[in-house]
Amino acid sequence: MPESFGERQPIAESFHSAEEHHDLCNRKLSLLGRFPKRYIVGIMAFFGFCNIYALRANLSIAIVGMVAKYNITNESTTLIEPGFDWSSKQQGLILGAFFYGYIFTQLPGGFLANRFGGKFLFGGGIFITAVLTILTPFCAQQNIALLVTVRVLEGFCEGVTYPSIHAIWAKWAPPLEKTRLVAFAFSGSYIGTVFAMLISGGLFSAGYKWQSIFYLFGSLGILWFVCWCFLIAESPAKHSTITDAELDYIQSSIGYTEEQTQNLLPPWLDIFRSPAVWAIVAAHFAENWGFYTWLTELPSFMKYALNFDIQNAGYLAALPYAVMGLVVMTCGFLADSLLAHCQLSVVAVRKMFTCGAFLSQLVFMVAAGYLMTPVAAVVCVTIAVGLGGFAWGGFSVNHLDIAPQYASILMGISNTFATIPGIVSPGLTGVIVSDQHDKSEWQIVFYLAAGIYLAGGVIYGLLASGHRQEWAEVPTGYMSQVDENIKDDL
């Protein structure tokens, strides 16, 4: 049953004692001079998502410099700049190809991460994608079919990353810090998008060819993978240098150990019948529709509809995601603070952040479509996309609220549906916007995104939950790893 907006949940009632435990443990760790390992996981996950989205988004900038440029008059067509002679629909196919592979590994990735752990799935998915990115220029120069194929394979490899990171957080993120750790890591997606757009535009302006974009970001992805392998452990219990105090705090706060959940079989029927799961699916789909639409199309909209040059198109297209990255990075701290200090329930905070974000995005998407002037469009799209970051302090953490030990599977389910916009949106935009200079055709894209935000907010507001579901209960009985002398010192 859906919960009322103000209903208190059991987890919220334990936040005061958890907060005291948290403060005591952090003081102990400070005295020991040891940086908490869970924060290192958060930082490395942040840079992992930076790489994920840089590898994913670089083509949306590069393609502007890859296609041929023509000067068309009534009497003749003159080639201005050589390149690939791809139509608008072919460009939509290329930009959407990534998601044809991405959608198929979400649920398998969630299941494998639940069964075998998320460390090497997350890291390996990024590594292989980085290698394929380096091969992209060669494939593009052969033929469009090979380019589409390598983009599908990149999506296939990256598809395991989002589910697998939730398998890691299920073992590493204490309830009091869950939202801030998850949101901080996810903010890397948008910082990575900004980085890709700015660096790609900068490479163009410095005179480098489009191939350099793929070589640079592929190399950075490989470098990150090496660091991830050396610094990160699958769980706190498997970390070789974690302190006993931090290990005890994490596992006692979560309430179970890895050994207690590793052999549990997912209750598939209960999962797919749960209204709380479908609330997350609806919110995830709605948020990704707007995000993927502008991730792939914003540079072209800036260049053709608003008449910005390629360098300014890259910089201005990055602005909404810079705002969103900062919002996502900070909203987790705000959500955890509301839970710990303001007596709000988990479901109230999740709905407040998710539905409030969607309402804001709806308003500014409609405004952008109505005004459609360069300054107004940039401002409205920046605010709409940026405020969407608050939703990631809501639905994106909700998997860990309702079924932490199956969070990777739930993320696999929700991200499967949330990948559909990445497949449908670029192609649909290519059909709607047959003339990229026609502002009235771009208006339809704005209004469609606003309607989807509205539907997602209504469904999430009605069905979302904030407590562990009955089918997700696990045996408890955690045995402390900290001896009594250390506990007395905390």
Protein backbone atom coordinates (compact mmCIF):
# COMPACT_ATOMS: atom_id res chain seq x y z
CA MET A 1 0.00 0.00 0.00
CA PRO A 2 1.26 3.52 -0.73
CA GLU A 3 2.27 5.52 2.30
CA SER A 4 0.92 8.88 3.36
CA PHE A 5 3.27 11.81 2.88
CA GLY A 6 3.80 12.41 6.58
CA GLU A 7 3.84 8.83 7.89
CA ARG A 8 6.84 8.06 10.09
CA GLN A 9 8.84 4.97 9.23
CA PRO A 10 10.79 2.74 11.63
CA ILE A 11 14.14 3.68 10.08
CA ALA A 12 13.54 7.36 10.77
CA GLU A 13 12.94 6.63 14.45
CA SER A 14 16.43 5.18 14.82
CA PHE A 15 18.26 8.12 13.28
CA HIS A 16 19.07 9.84 16.58
CA SER A 17 20.88 6.80 18.01
CA ALA A 18 22.46 6.13 14.63
CA GLU A 19 23.65 9.72 14.45
CA GLU A 20 25.29 9.43 17.89
CA HIS A 21 26.97 6.20 16.82
CA HIS A 22 28.08 7.88 13.61
CA ASP A 23 29.61 10.83 15.44
CA LEU A 24 31.40 8.60 17.94
CA CYS A 25 32.85 6.41 15.21
CA ASN A 26 34.01 9.37 13.15
CA ARG A 27 35.73 10.88 16.21
CA LYS A 28 37.52 7.61 16.76
CA LEU A 29 38.53 7.43 13.10
CA SER A 30 39.77 11.01 13.28
CA LEU A 31 41.92 10.19 16.28
CA LEU A 32 43.37 7.27 14.40
CA GLY A 33 44.13 9.57 11.47
CA ARG A 34 42.43 7.21 9.03
CA PHE A 35 40.25 8.51 6.21
CA PRO A 36 37.04 6.43 6.18
CA LYS A 37 37.12 3.79 3.44
CA ARG A 38 33.44 4.27 2.61
CA TYR A 39 34.28 7.83 1.54
CA ILE A 40 37.05 6.53 -0.70
CA VAL A 41 34.45 4.24 -2.30
CA GLY A 42 32.23 7.29 -2.79
CA ILE A 43 35.02 9.35 -4.36
CA MET A 44 36.10 6.57 -6.72
CA ALA A 45 32.47 5.87 -7.66
CA PHE A 46 32.09 9.60 -8.40
CA PHE A 47 35.02 9.50 -10.83
CA GLY A 48 33.69 6.24 -12.23
CA PHE A 49 30.41 7.91 -13.16
CA CYS A 50 32.38 10.86 -14.56
CA ASN A 51 34.01 8.40 -16.93
CA ILE A 52 30.75 6.61 -17.70
CA TYR A 53 29.05 9.76 -18.90
CA ALA A 54 32.11 11.26 -20.57
CA LEU A 55 32.40 8.06 -22.61
CA ARG A 56 28.68 8.17 -23.34
CA ALA A 57 28.29 11.88 -24.11
CA ASN A 58 31.42 12.62 -26.14
CA LEU A 59 29.76 11.54 -29.39
CA SER A 60 26.97 14.12 -29.02
CA ILE A 61 29.63 16.84 -29.26
CA ALA A 62 31.96 15.09 -31.71
CA ILE A 63 29.17 14.40 -34.18
CA VAL A 64 28.72 18.12 -34.78
CA GLY A 65 32.28 18.20 -36.13
CA MET A 66 32.07 14.82 -37.87
CA VAL A 67 29.28 15.58 -40.33
CA ALA A 68 29.79 17.41 -43.61
CA LYS A 69 28.74 21.07 -43.86
CA TYR A 70 26.97 22.44 -46.95
CA ASN A 71 25.88 25.86 -48.17
CA ILE A 72 22.52 25.31 -49.83
CA THR A 73 21.04 27.92 -52.21
CA ASN A 74 18.26 27.86 -54.78
CA GLU A 75 20.74 27.19 -57.56
CA SER A 76 23.42 24.96 -56.02
CA THR A 77 24.77 23.03 -53.04
CA THR A 78 28.36 23.79 -52.04
CA LEU A 79 30.47 21.72 -49.66
CA ILE A 80 31.90 24.01 -46.97
CA GLU A 81 33.56 21.48 -44.68
CA PRO A 82 34.23 17.81 -45.54
CA GLY A 83 32.90 15.07 -43.28
CA PHE A 84 30.42 12.22 -43.06
CA ASP A 85 27.32 12.75 -45.17
CA TRP A 86 24.81 11.61 -42.54
CA SER A 87 21.18 12.70 -42.58
CA SER A 88 19.36 13.89 -39.46
CA LYS A 89 17.74 10.44 -39.07
CA GLN A 90 21.09 8.67 -39.46
CA GLN A 91 22.58 10.92 -36.78
CA GLY A 92 19.66 10.01 -34.51
CA LEU A 93 20.37 6.32 -35.15
CA ILE A 94 24.06 6.76 -34.29
CA LEU A 95 23.34 8.73 -31.12
CA GLY A 96 20.71 6.21 -30.00
CA ALA A 97 22.73 3.08 -30.83
CA PHE A 98 24.45 3.07 -27.44
CA PHE A 99 21.13 2.37 -25.72
CA TYR A 100 20.28 -0.65 -27.87
CA GLY A 101 23.06 -2.50 -26.05
CA TYR A 102 22.63 -0.68 -22.74
CA ILE A 103 19.06 -1.83 -22.17
CA PHE A 104 19.84 -5.56 -22.42
CA THR A 105 22.40 -5.79 -19.61
CA GLN A 106 20.55 -3.86 -16.90
CA LEU A 107 18.65 -6.75 -15.32
CA PRO A 108 21.39 -9.38 -15.90
CA GLY A 109 23.88 -6.91 -14.45
CA GLY A 110 21.71 -6.45 -11.37
CA PHE A 111 21.35 -10.19 -10.87
CA LEU A 112 25.08 -10.87 -11.35
CA ALA A 113 26.01 -8.04 -8.98
CA ASN A 114 23.58 -9.38 -6.39
CA ARG A 115 25.04 -12.85 -6.75
CA PHE A 116 28.76 -12.20 -7.21
CA GLY A 117 29.35 -8.59 -6.15
CA GLY A 118 29.60 -5.26 -7.92
CA LYS A 119 33.29 -4.28 -7.84
CA PHE A 120 34.50 -5.91 -11.03
CA LEU A 121 31.22 -5.55 -12.89
CA PHE A 122 31.29 -1.79 -12.30
CA GLY A 123 34.98 -1.43 -13.06
CA GLY A 124 35.07 -3.90 -15.93
CA GLY A 125 32.10 -2.30 -17.65
CA ILE A 126 33.89 1.05 -17.71
CA PHE A 127 37.20 -0.46 -18.81
CA ILE A 128 35.82 -2.28 -21.85
CA THR A 129 33.78 0.78 -22.85
CA ALA A 130 36.95 2.89 -22.69
CA VAL A 131 38.79 0.48 -24.99
CA LEU A 132 35.89 0.53 -27.48
CA THR A 133 35.86 4.33 -27.34
CA ILE A 134 39.49 4.42 -28.49
CA LEU A 135 38.47 2.22 -31.44
CA THR A 136 35.53 4.47 -32.39
CA PRO A 137 37.38 6.74 -34.90
CA PHE A 138 38.61 3.71 -36.85
CA CYS A 139 35.09 2.24 -36.95
CA ALA A 140 33.52 5.53 -38.03
CA GLN A 141 35.95 5.83 -40.95
CA GLN A 142 35.02 2.35 -42.20
CA ASN A 143 31.23 2.65 -42.44
CA ILE A 144 28.18 3.71 -40.46
CA ALA A 145 27.22 0.10 -39.69
CA LEU A 146 30.51 -0.55 -37.87
CA LEU A 147 30.17 2.70 -35.92
CA VAL A 148 26.64 1.75 -34.83
CA THR A 149 27.90 -1.72 -33.83
CA VAL A 150 30.69 -0.40 -31.61
CA ARG A 151 28.27 2.02 -29.94
CA VAL A 152 25.87 -0.87 -29.24
CA LEU A 153 28.75 -2.83 -27.69
CA GLU A 154 29.71 0.17 -25.54
CA GLY A 155 26.14 0.33 -24.26
CA PHE A 156 26.17 -3.41 -23.60
CA CYS A 157 29.25 -3.04 -21.38
CA GLU A 158 28.09 0.10 -19.58
CA GLY A 159 24.69 -1.44 -18.89
CA VAL A 160 25.98 -3.30 -15.84
CA THR A 161 27.38 -0.21 -14.10
CA TYR A 162 24.29 1.35 -12.53
CA PRO A 163 22.93 -1.92 -11.06
CA SER A 164 26.34 -3.01 -9.83
CA ILE A 165 27.02 0.21 -7.91
CA HIS A 166 23.88 -0.40 -5.84
CA ALA A 167 25.26 -3.82 -4.91
CA ILE A 168 28.31 -1.99 -3.55
CA TRP A 169 26.23 0.59 -1.64
CA ALA A 170 24.12 -2.16 -0.09
CA LYS A 171 27.30 -3.24 1.74
CA TRP A 172 29.08 0.09 2.19
CA ALA A 173 26.45 2.80 2.85
CA PRO A 174 25.12 3.25 6.44
CA PRO A 175 21.47 4.46 6.54
CA LEU A 176 22.42 7.84 7.98
CA GLU A 177 24.86 8.48 5.10
CA LYS A 178 23.11 6.55 2.35
CA THR A 179 21.62 9.45 0.42
CA ARG A 180 24.74 11.60 0.49
CA LEU A 181 27.03 8.77 -0.63
CA VAL A 182 24.73 7.61 -3.42
CA ALA A 183 23.89 11.12 -4.64
CA PHE A 184 27.52 12.25 -4.50
CA ALA A 185 28.56 9.27 -6.63
CA PHE A 186 25.73 9.84 -9.12
CA SER A 187 26.65 13.53 -9.40
CA GLY A 188 29.72 12.32 -11.24
CA SER A 189 27.41 11.51 -14.16
CA TYR A 190 26.64 15.17 -14.69
CA ILE A 191 30.13 16.47 -13.89
CA GLY A 192 31.40 13.94 -16.43
CA THR A 193 28.89 15.24 -18.97
CA VAL A 194 30.08 18.81 -18.37
CA PHE A 195 33.71 17.73 -18.59
CA ALA A 196 33.07 15.92 -21.89
CA MET A 197 31.23 18.88 -23.40
CA LEU A 198 33.75 21.51 -22.29
CA ILE A 199 36.85 19.52 -23.18
CA SER A 200 35.39 18.42 -26.52
CA GLY A 201 34.46 22.00 -27.43
CA GLY A 202 37.91 23.14 -26.29
CA LEU A 203 39.65 20.54 -28.45
CA PHE A 204 37.71 21.78 -31.48
CA SER A 205 38.55 25.40 -30.76
CA ALA A 206 42.24 24.51 -30.32
CA GLY A 207 42.30 22.98 -33.78
CA TYR A 208 42.31 19.31 -32.84
CA LYS A 209 40.31 16.91 -34.96
CA TRP A 210 37.25 15.05 -33.68
CA GLN A 211 39.25 11.81 -33.27
CA SER A 212 41.15 13.32 -30.33
CA ILE A 213 37.94 13.37 -28.25
CA PHE A 214 37.65 9.59 -28.30
CA TYR A 215 41.35 8.96 -27.66
CA LEU A 216 41.40 11.28 -24.64
CA PHE A 217 38.32 9.98 -22.86
CA GLY A 218 39.11 6.35 -23.60
CA SER A 219 42.56 6.76 -22.03
CA LEU A 220 41.12 8.42 -18.91
CA GLY A 221 38.67 5.53 -18.48
CA ILE A 222 41.50 2.98 -18.53
CA LEU A 223 43.51 4.99 -16.00
CA TRP A 224 40.50 5.14 -13.64
CA PHE A 225 40.02 1.36 -13.87
CA VAL A 226 43.58 0.70 -12.69
CA CYS A 227 43.01 2.93 -9.63
CA TRP A 228 39.63 1.30 -8.90
CA CYS A 229 41.15 -2.19 -8.84
CA PHE A 230 43.84 -1.20 -6.34
CA LEU A 231 41.79 1.01 -3.99
CA ILE A 232 38.36 -0.61 -3.68
CA ALA A 233 37.17 -3.80 -1.97
CA GLU A 234 33.90 -5.60 -2.60
CA SER A 235 32.69 -5.09 0.97
CA PRO A 236 33.94 -3.56 4.24
CA ALA A 237 34.75 -7.00 5.61
CA LYS A 238 37.04 -7.68 2.63
CA HIS A 239 38.94 -4.40 2.87
CA SER A 240 42.49 -5.04 4.08
CA THR A 241 43.07 -1.71 5.84
CA ILE A 242 39.63 -0.71 7.16
CA THR A 243 39.53 0.00 10.90
CA ASP A 244 37.52 -2.19 13.25
CA ALA A 245 35.55 0.90 14.30
CA GLU A 246 34.45 1.72 10.77
CA LEU A 247 33.67 -1.90 9.94
CA ASP A 248 31.49 -2.20 13.04
CA TYR A 249 29.72 1.09 12.33
CA ILE A 250 28.86 0.15 8.74
CA GLN A 251 27.70 -3.39 9.40
CA SER A 252 25.81 -2.67 12.63
CA SER A 253 24.06 0.32 11.01
CA ILE A 254 23.03 -1.68 7.95
CA GLY A 255 21.90 -4.53 10.18
CA TYR A 256 23.27 -7.49 8.28
CA THR A 257 26.54 -8.77 6.84
CA GLU A 258 27.39 -9.91 3.31
CA GLU A 259 27.32 -13.53 4.44
CA GLN A 260 23.71 -13.23 5.63
CA THR A 261 22.40 -12.13 2.23
CA GLN A 262 24.66 -13.64 -0.42
CA ASN A 263 22.63 -16.86 -0.82
CA LEU A 264 19.15 -15.33 -0.69
CA LEU A 265 17.09 -15.90 -3.84
CA PRO A 266 15.29 -12.83 -5.19
CA PRO A 267 11.47 -13.02 -4.76
CA TRP A 268 10.80 -12.16 -8.41
CA LEU A 269 7.01 -12.30 -8.28
CA ASP A 270 6.83 -10.06 -5.21
CA ILE A 271 9.28 -7.61 -6.77
CA PHE A 272 7.25 -7.22 -9.97
CA ARG A 273 3.98 -6.94 -8.04
CA SER A 274 5.27 -4.22 -5.71
CA PRO A 275 3.73 -0.74 -6.22
CA ALA A 276 6.84 0.76 -4.60
CA VAL A 277 9.03 -0.75 -7.32
CA TRP A 278 6.82 0.61 -10.11
CA ALA A 279 6.86 4.05 -8.50
CA ILE A 280 10.65 4.05 -8.85
CA VAL A 281 10.37 2.81 -12.43
CA ALA A 282 7.98 5.64 -13.38
CA ALA A 283 10.17 8.32 -11.78
CA HIS A 284 13.36 6.94 -13.31
CA PHE A 285 11.75 6.81 -16.77
CA ALA A 286 10.48 10.40 -16.51
CA GLU A 287 13.78 11.84 -15.32
CA ASN A 288 15.77 10.04 -17.99
CA TRP A 289 13.44 11.14 -20.78
CA GLY A 290 14.37 14.77 -20.26
CA PHE A 291 17.99 14.00 -19.47
CA TYR A 292 18.67 11.79 -22.50
CA THR A 293 16.77 14.10 -24.84
CA TRP A 294 19.04 17.01 -24.01
CA LEU A 295 22.17 14.91 -23.51
CA THR A 296 22.05 13.90 -27.18
CA GLU A 297 20.24 16.86 -28.76
CA LEU A 298 21.20 20.00 -26.81
CA PRO A 299 24.39 20.74 -28.79
CA SER A 300 22.46 20.53 -32.07
CA PHE A 301 19.62 22.65 -30.64
CA MET A 302 22.11 25.29 -29.53
CA LYS A 303 23.94 25.31 -32.85
CA TYR A 304 21.09 25.17 -35.36
CA ALA A 305 18.00 26.58 -33.63
CA LEU A 306 19.79 29.24 -31.55
CA ASN A 307 22.68 29.86 -34.00
CA PHE A 308 25.59 29.36 -31.59
CA ASP A 309 28.94 28.30 -33.05
CA ILE A 310 30.30 24.84 -32.20
CA GLN A 311 32.52 26.07 -29.34
CA ASN A 312 29.76 28.09 -27.66
CA ALA A 313 27.28 25.29 -28.33
CA GLY A 314 29.50 22.94 -26.32
CA TYR A 315 29.94 25.41 -23.47
CA LEU A 316 26.25 26.38 -23.26
CA ALA A 317 25.07 22.79 -23.59
CA ALA A 318 27.29 21.97 -20.59
CA LEU A 319 25.75 24.65 -18.38
CA PRO A 320 22.54 22.76 -17.40
CA TYR A 321 24.55 19.70 -16.40
CA ALA A 322 27.00 21.77 -14.35
CA VAL A 323 24.04 23.07 -12.36
CA MET A 324 22.55 19.59 -12.10
CA GLY A 325 25.85 18.10 -10.93
CA LEU A 326 26.10 20.63 -8.11
CA VAL A 327 22.46 20.05 -7.13
CA VAL A 328 22.85 16.26 -7.06
CA MET A 329 26.10 16.57 -5.11
CA THR A 330 24.47 18.65 -2.37
CA CYS A 331 20.94 17.24 -2.29
CA GLY A 332 22.11 14.04 -0.62
CA PHE A 333 23.45 15.98 2.36
CA LEU A 334 20.20 17.94 2.54
CA ALA A 335 18.07 14.78 2.42
CA ASP A 336 20.10 13.06 5.15
CA SER A 337 19.90 16.22 7.27
CA LEU A 338 16.11 16.34 6.93
CA LEU A 339 15.88 12.69 7.96
CA ALA A 340 18.17 13.08 10.95
CA HIS A 341 17.18 16.49 12.32
CA CYS A 342 13.71 17.50 11.06
CA GLN A 343 11.67 14.44 12.03
CA LEU A 344 10.60 13.76 8.44
CA SER A 345 9.91 10.22 7.31
CA VAL A 346 11.88 8.52 4.56
CA VAL A 347 8.91 8.45 2.20
CA ALA A 348 8.20 12.16 2.81
CA VAL A 349 11.76 13.11 1.86
CA ARG A 350 11.82 10.83 -1.20
CA LYS A 351 8.50 12.25 -2.48
CA MET A 352 9.44 15.83 -1.68
CA PHE A 353 12.67 15.62 -3.65
CA THR A 354 11.32 13.62 -6.60
CA CYS A 355 7.92 15.24 -7.13
CA GLY A 356 9.23 18.73 -6.37
CA ALA A 357 11.96 18.31 -8.98
CA PHE A 358 9.51 17.07 -11.62
CA LEU A 359 7.11 19.95 -10.99
CA SER A 360 9.94 22.47 -11.39
CA GLN A 361 11.13 20.80 -14.59
CA LEU A 362 7.61 20.79 -16.02
CA VAL A 363 7.20 24.53 -15.48
CA PHE A 364 10.52 25.51 -17.02
CA MET A 365 10.25 23.08 -19.96
CA VAL A 366 6.91 24.63 -20.89
CA ALA A 367 8.41 28.10 -20.48
CA ALA A 368 11.38 27.23 -22.69
CA GLY A 369 9.10 25.90 -25.41
CA TYR A 370 6.85 28.95 -25.22
CA LEU A 371 9.57 31.64 -25.19
CA MET A 372 12.09 30.03 -27.59
CA THR A 373 14.54 32.94 -27.67
CA PRO A 374 18.28 32.29 -27.22
CA VAL A 375 18.60 33.79 -23.72
CA ALA A 376 15.24 32.50 -22.44
CA ALA A 377 15.80 29.00 -23.83
CA VAL A 378 19.25 28.70 -22.28
CA VAL A 379 18.02 29.96 -18.89
CA CYS A 380 14.88 27.78 -18.82
CA VAL A 381 16.63 24.61 -19.97
CA THR A 382 19.44 25.21 -17.47
CA ILE A 383 16.98 25.61 -14.58
CA ALA A 384 14.81 22.68 -15.71
CA VAL A 385 17.69 20.23 -16.13
CA GLY A 386 19.54 21.57 -13.08
CA LEU A 387 16.62 21.30 -10.66
CA GLY A 388 16.09 17.73 -11.85
CA GLY A 389 19.09 16.93 -9.69
CA PHE A 390 16.88 16.97 -6.60
CA ALA A 391 15.06 13.91 -7.92
CA TRP A 392 18.28 11.93 -7.46
CA GLY A 393 18.01 12.50 -3.72
CA GLY A 394 14.63 10.75 -3.99
CA PHE A 395 13.96 7.87 -6.35
CA SER A 396 17.60 6.93 -7.06
CA VAL A 397 18.18 5.99 -3.39
CA ASN A 398 14.73 4.45 -2.94
CA HIS A 399 15.91 1.02 -4.10
CA LEU A 400 18.10 0.86 -1.00
CA ASP A 401 15.19 1.94 1.23
CA ILE A 402 12.72 -0.73 0.21
CA ALA A 403 15.02 -3.72 -0.45
CA PRO A 404 18.72 -3.04 0.20
CA GLN A 405 19.91 -6.58 -0.39
CA TYR A 406 18.12 -6.62 -3.79
CA ALA A 407 18.94 -2.99 -4.66
CA SER A 408 21.10 -3.95 -7.64
CA ILE A 409 18.23 -5.97 -9.10
CA LEU A 410 15.74 -3.16 -8.52
CA MET A 411 18.13 -0.69 -10.17
CA GLY A 412 18.46 -3.11 -13.07
CA ILE A 413 14.67 -3.17 -13.45
CA SER A 414 14.14 0.58 -13.16
CA ASN A 415 17.10 1.43 -15.39
CA THR A 416 15.88 -1.01 -18.03
CA PHE A 417 12.71 1.04 -18.39
CA ALA A 418 14.67 4.27 -17.93
CA THR A 419 16.88 3.33 -20.88
CA ILE A 420 13.92 3.32 -23.26
CA PRO A 421 14.08 7.14 -23.52
CA GLY A 422 17.69 6.85 -24.65
CA ILE A 423 16.56 4.59 -27.49
CA VAL A 424 13.34 6.33 -28.42
CA SER A 425 14.11 9.98 -27.75
CA PRO A 426 16.96 10.65 -30.27
CA GLY A 427 15.12 8.89 -33.09
CA LEU A 428 11.80 10.52 -32.20
CA THR A 429 13.48 13.92 -32.00
CA GLY A 430 15.01 13.27 -35.42
CA VAL A 431 11.54 12.59 -36.81
CA ILE A 432 9.89 15.55 -35.07
CA VAL A 433 12.71 17.97 -35.91
CA SER A 434 13.10 17.34 -39.63
CA ASP A 435 14.52 20.86 -40.04
CA GLN A 436 16.93 21.58 -37.18
CA HIS A 437 16.64 25.32 -37.81
CA ASP A 438 12.84 25.27 -37.25
CA LYS A 439 12.11 26.44 -33.69
CA SER A 440 8.46 25.37 -33.84
CA GLU A 441 9.53 21.74 -34.29
CA TRP A 442 11.83 21.98 -31.26
CA GLN A 443 8.86 23.28 -29.22
CA ILE A 444 7.14 19.92 -29.59
CA VAL A 445 10.18 18.26 -28.01
CA PHE A 446 9.95 20.63 -24.99
CA TYR A 447 6.24 20.05 -24.45
CA LEU A 448 6.58 16.28 -24.73
CA ALA A 449 9.26 16.26 -22.02
CA ALA A 450 7.04 18.39 -19.76
CA GLY A 451 4.13 15.96 -20.09
CA ILE A 452 6.31 12.98 -19.19
CA TYR A 453 7.63 14.77 -16.10
CA LEU A 454 4.03 15.34 -14.99
CA ALA A 455 3.07 11.68 -15.40
CA GLY A 456 6.19 10.47 -13.55
CA GLY A 457 5.59 12.83 -10.62
CA VAL A 458 1.95 11.79 -10.20
CA ILE A 459 2.72 8.05 -10.24
CA TYR A 460 5.63 8.39 -7.82
CA GLY A 461 3.62 10.59 -5.47
CA LEU A 462 0.84 8.00 -5.28
CA LEU A 463 2.81 4.75 -5.04
CA ALA A 464 6.24 5.40 -3.52
CA SER A 465 7.27 3.82 -0.21
CA GLY A 466 10.10 4.47 2.21
CA HIS A 467 10.33 1.35 4.35
CA ARG A 468 11.74 -2.13 3.78
CA GLN A 469 9.16 -4.27 2.03
CA GLU A 470 7.96 -7.52 3.63
CA TRP A 471 9.49 -9.57 0.83
CA ALA A 472 12.87 -7.94 1.53
CA GLU A 473 13.21 -8.83 5.21
CA VAL A 474 16.51 -10.55 6.10
CA PRO A 475 17.72 -12.47 9.15
CA THR A 476 19.36 -10.15 11.66
CA GLY A 477 21.79 -10.86 14.45
CA TYR A 478 24.95 -9.00 13.44
CA MET A 479 27.90 -9.75 15.69
CA SER A 480 30.08 -6.72 16.44
CA GLN A 481 33.61 -6.74 15.02
CA VAL A 482 34.87 -4.29 17.65
CA ASP A 483 36.09 -5.62 20.95
CA GLU A 484 34.76 -4.16 24.17
CA ASN A 485 37.90 -2.12 24.95
CA ILE A 486 37.64 -0.23 21.66
CA LYS A 487 33.88 0.26 22.12
CA ASP A 488 34.53 1.81 25.51
CA ASP A 489 36.88 4.33 23.85
CA LEU A 490 34.38 5.41 21.18
